[in-house]
């Protein structure tokens, strides 16, 4: 029969639950998520409270800021990062807020490290 389809209220609740779990894991506030994702604080607050859903662009920006794939924010029962070590959390934070130039340098370093 296929998987059940989540609509309206249920998808908003799932999105809110997954984002709130990630906020707790990353030890971020809603304000921090808004800053990192460039999504307004009001919209982040409404999404986290399941009052509203969000469009694809906002979902992509939030997922990018949290270093997950956008689809992970709307999957039931998906195990998101639940234990991000402090050093990894700091690294993710630096990578998601890096300038384009710094992000290119980080990518080059990672590629060089992967070749070793």
C-alpha atoms as a PDB file:
ATOM      1  CA  UNK A   1       0.000   0.000   0.000  1.00  0.00           C
ATOM      2  CA  UNK A   2       2.945   2.374   0.423  1.00  0.00           C
ATOM      3  CA  UNK A   3       3.905   4.643   3.260  1.00  0.00           C
ATOM      4  CA  UNK A   4       1.409   6.920   4.965  1.00  0.00           C
ATOM      5  CA  UNK A   5       1.182  10.498   3.765  1.00  0.00           C
ATOM      6  CA  UNK A   6       1.705  13.191   6.379  1.00  0.00           C
ATOM      7  CA  UNK A   7      -0.369  16.307   5.857  1.00  0.00           C
ATOM      8  CA  UNK A   8      -0.524  19.819   7.238  1.00  0.00           C
ATOM      9  CA  UNK A   9      -0.576  19.689  11.011  1.00  0.00           C
ATOM     10  CA  UNK A  10       1.310  16.378  11.245  1.00  0.00           C
ATOM     11  CA  UNK A  11       4.156  17.473   8.958  1.00  0.00           C
ATOM     12  CA  UNK A  12       4.489  20.772  10.844  1.00  0.00           C
ATOM     13  CA  UNK A  13       4.693  18.866  14.140  1.00  0.00           C
ATOM     14  CA  UNK A  14       7.305  16.486  12.717  1.00  0.00           C
ATOM     15  CA  UNK A  15       9.370  19.349  11.318  1.00  0.00           C
ATOM     16  CA  UNK A  16       9.188  21.165  14.665  1.00  0.00           C
ATOM     17  CA  UNK A  17      10.137  18.018  16.622  1.00  0.00           C
ATOM     18  CA  UNK A  18      13.166  17.300  14.418  1.00  0.00           C
ATOM     19  CA  UNK A  19      14.410  20.902  14.405  1.00  0.00           C
ATOM     20  CA  UNK A  20      13.948  21.212  18.178  1.00  0.00           C
ATOM     21  CA  UNK A  21      15.882  17.956  18.685  1.00  0.00           C
ATOM     22  CA  UNK A  22      18.711  19.301  16.560  1.00  0.00           C
ATOM     23  CA  UNK A  23      18.701  22.619  18.439  1.00  0.00           C
ATOM     24  CA  UNK A  24      19.073  20.720  21.699  1.00  0.00           C
ATOM     25  CA  UNK A  25      21.851  18.538  20.320  1.00  0.00           C
ATOM     26  CA  UNK A  26      23.776  21.486  18.916  1.00  0.00           C
ATOM     27  CA  UNK A  27      23.030  23.558  22.012  1.00  0.00           C
ATOM     28  CA  UNK A  28      21.682  26.361  19.856  1.00  0.00           C
ATOM     29  CA  UNK A  29      18.859  28.772  20.563  1.00  0.00           C
ATOM     30  CA  UNK A  30      16.212  29.625  17.996  1.00  0.00           C
ATOM     31  CA  UNK A  31      17.967  32.990  17.620  1.00  0.00           C
ATOM     32  CA  UNK A  32      21.226  31.220  16.794  1.00  0.00           C
ATOM     33  CA  UNK A  33      19.471  29.094  14.178  1.00  0.00           C
ATOM     34  CA  UNK A  34      17.875  32.198  12.670  1.00  0.00           C
ATOM     35  CA  UNK A  35      21.264  33.924  12.512  1.00  0.00           C
ATOM     36  CA  UNK A  36      23.061  30.957  10.968  1.00  0.00           C
ATOM     37  CA  UNK A  37      20.310  30.119   8.465  1.00  0.00           C
ATOM     38  CA  UNK A  38      19.347  33.693   7.565  1.00  0.00           C
ATOM     39  CA  UNK A  39      15.710  32.766   8.211  1.00  0.00           C
ATOM     40  CA  UNK A  40      13.864  35.356  10.288  1.00  0.00           C
ATOM     41  CA  UNK A  41      13.689  34.725  14.027  1.00  0.00           C
ATOM     42  CA  UNK A  42       9.889  35.011  13.868  1.00  0.00           C
ATOM     43  CA  UNK A  43       9.677  32.322  11.193  1.00  0.00           C
ATOM     44  CA  UNK A  44      12.069  30.027  13.080  1.00  0.00           C
ATOM     45  CA  UNK A  45       9.972  30.504  16.232  1.00  0.00           C
ATOM     46  CA  UNK A  46       6.750  29.690  14.349  1.00  0.00           C
ATOM     47  CA  UNK A  47       8.308  26.594  12.763  1.00  0.00           C
ATOM     48  CA  UNK A  48       9.686  25.343  16.098  1.00  0.00           C
ATOM     49  CA  UNK A  49       6.284  25.821  17.730  1.00  0.00           C
ATOM     50  CA  UNK A  50       4.580  23.981  14.811  1.00  0.00           C
ATOM     51  CA  UNK A  51       2.390  27.036  14.145  1.00  0.00           C
ATOM     52  CA  UNK A  52       3.532  27.154  10.530  1.00  0.00           C
ATOM     53  CA  UNK A  53       5.494  25.010   8.154  1.00  0.00           C
ATOM     54  CA  UNK A  54       8.101  26.453   5.836  1.00  0.00           C
ATOM     55  CA  UNK A  55       8.917  26.627   2.183  1.00  0.00           C
ATOM     56  CA  UNK A  56      11.684  24.739   0.471  1.00  0.00           C
ATOM     57  CA  UNK A  57      14.132  27.649   0.627  1.00  0.00           C
ATOM     58  CA  UNK A  58      13.740  28.098   4.398  1.00  0.00           C
ATOM     59  CA  UNK A  59      13.947  24.338   4.977  1.00  0.00           C
ATOM     60  CA  UNK A  60      17.134  24.150   2.879  1.00  0.00           C
ATOM     61  CA  UNK A  61      18.685  27.090   4.738  1.00  0.00           C
ATOM     62  CA  UNK A  62      17.829  25.581   8.142  1.00  0.00           C
ATOM     63  CA  UNK A  63      19.168  22.162   7.131  1.00  0.00           C
ATOM     64  CA  UNK A  64      22.387  23.682   5.772  1.00  0.00           C
ATOM     65  CA  UNK A  65      22.915  25.647   8.983  1.00  0.00           C
ATOM     66  CA  UNK A  66      22.433  22.422  10.990  1.00  0.00           C
ATOM     67  CA  UNK A  67      24.676  20.374   8.670  1.00  0.00           C
ATOM     68  CA  UNK A  68      21.966  17.873   7.713  1.00  0.00           C
ATOM     69  CA  UNK A  69      20.145  17.128   4.476  1.00  0.00           C
ATOM     70  CA  UNK A  70      16.796  18.939   4.064  1.00  0.00           C
ATOM     71  CA  UNK A  71      14.851  15.671   3.855  1.00  0.00           C
ATOM     72  CA  UNK A  72      16.155  14.681   7.293  1.00  0.00           C
ATOM     73  CA  UNK A  73      14.065  17.426   8.865  1.00  0.00           C
ATOM     74  CA  UNK A  74      10.809  15.813   7.728  1.00  0.00           C
ATOM     75  CA  UNK A  75      11.435  12.091   8.182  1.00  0.00           C
ATOM     76  CA  UNK A  76       9.667  10.197  10.947  1.00  0.00           C
ATOM     77  CA  UNK A  77      11.870   8.271  13.346  1.00  0.00           C
ATOM     78  CA  UNK A  78      15.114   9.308  11.698  1.00  0.00           C
ATOM     79  CA  UNK A  79      18.080   9.299  14.052  1.00  0.00           C
ATOM     80  CA  UNK A  80      19.524  12.783  13.742  1.00  0.00           C
ATOM     81  CA  UNK A  81      22.796  13.759  15.393  1.00  0.00           C
ATOM     82  CA  UNK A  82      22.098  12.945  19.027  1.00  0.00           C
ATOM     83  CA  UNK A  83      25.607  13.045  20.378  1.00  0.00           C
ATOM     84  CA  UNK A  84      27.761  15.528  18.561  1.00  0.00           C
ATOM     85  CA  UNK A  85      31.115  15.750  20.341  1.00  0.00           C
ATOM     86  CA  UNK A  86      32.047  19.273  21.385  1.00  0.00           C
ATOM     87  CA  UNK A  87      34.980  19.461  18.969  1.00  0.00           C
ATOM     88  CA  UNK A  88      32.797  18.251  16.097  1.00  0.00           C
ATOM     89  CA  UNK A  89      30.103  20.746  17.043  1.00  0.00           C
ATOM     90  CA  UNK A  90      32.648  23.558  16.951  1.00  0.00           C
ATOM     91  CA  UNK A  91      33.960  22.359  13.591  1.00  0.00           C
ATOM     92  CA  UNK A  92      30.434  22.221  12.158  1.00  0.00           C
ATOM     93  CA  UNK A  93      29.807  25.683  13.525  1.00  0.00           C
ATOM     94  CA  UNK A  94      32.949  27.057  11.887  1.00  0.00           C
ATOM     95  CA  UNK A  95      32.166  25.370   8.568  1.00  0.00           C
ATOM     96  CA  UNK A  96      28.573  26.577   8.388  1.00  0.00           C
ATOM     97  CA  UNK A  97      29.509  30.178   9.159  1.00  0.00           C
ATOM     98  CA  UNK A  98      32.724  30.384   7.121  1.00  0.00           C
ATOM     99  CA  UNK A  99      33.139  32.889   4.341  1.00  0.00           C
ATOM    100  CA  UNK A 100      33.166  31.504   0.821  1.00  0.00           C
ATOM    101  CA  UNK A 101      36.960  31.857   0.707  1.00  0.00           C
ATOM    102  CA  UNK A 102      37.422  30.059   4.043  1.00  0.00           C
ATOM    103  CA  UNK A 103      34.929  27.355   3.052  1.00  0.00           C
ATOM    104  CA  UNK A 104      37.031  26.694  -0.078  1.00  0.00           C
ATOM    105  CA  UNK A 105      40.163  26.391   2.084  1.00  0.00           C
ATOM    106  CA  UNK A 106      38.393  23.978   4.452  1.00  0.00           C
ATOM    107  CA  UNK A 107      37.186  21.875   1.519  1.00  0.00           C
ATOM    108  CA  UNK A 108      40.727  21.720   0.096  1.00  0.00           C
ATOM    109  CA  UNK A 109      42.135  20.638   3.466  1.00  0.00           C
ATOM    110  CA  UNK A 110      39.509  17.918   3.796  1.00  0.00           C
ATOM    111  CA  UNK A 111      40.190  16.621   0.284  1.00  0.00           C
ATOM    112  CA  UNK A 112      43.934  16.551   0.966  1.00  0.00           C
ATOM    113  CA  UNK A 113      43.344  14.705   4.239  1.00  0.00           C
ATOM    114  CA  UNK A 114      41.054  12.171   2.529  1.00  0.00           C
ATOM    115  CA  UNK A 115      43.790  11.332  -0.008  1.00  0.00           C
ATOM    116  CA  UNK A 116      46.252  10.348   2.740  1.00  0.00           C
END
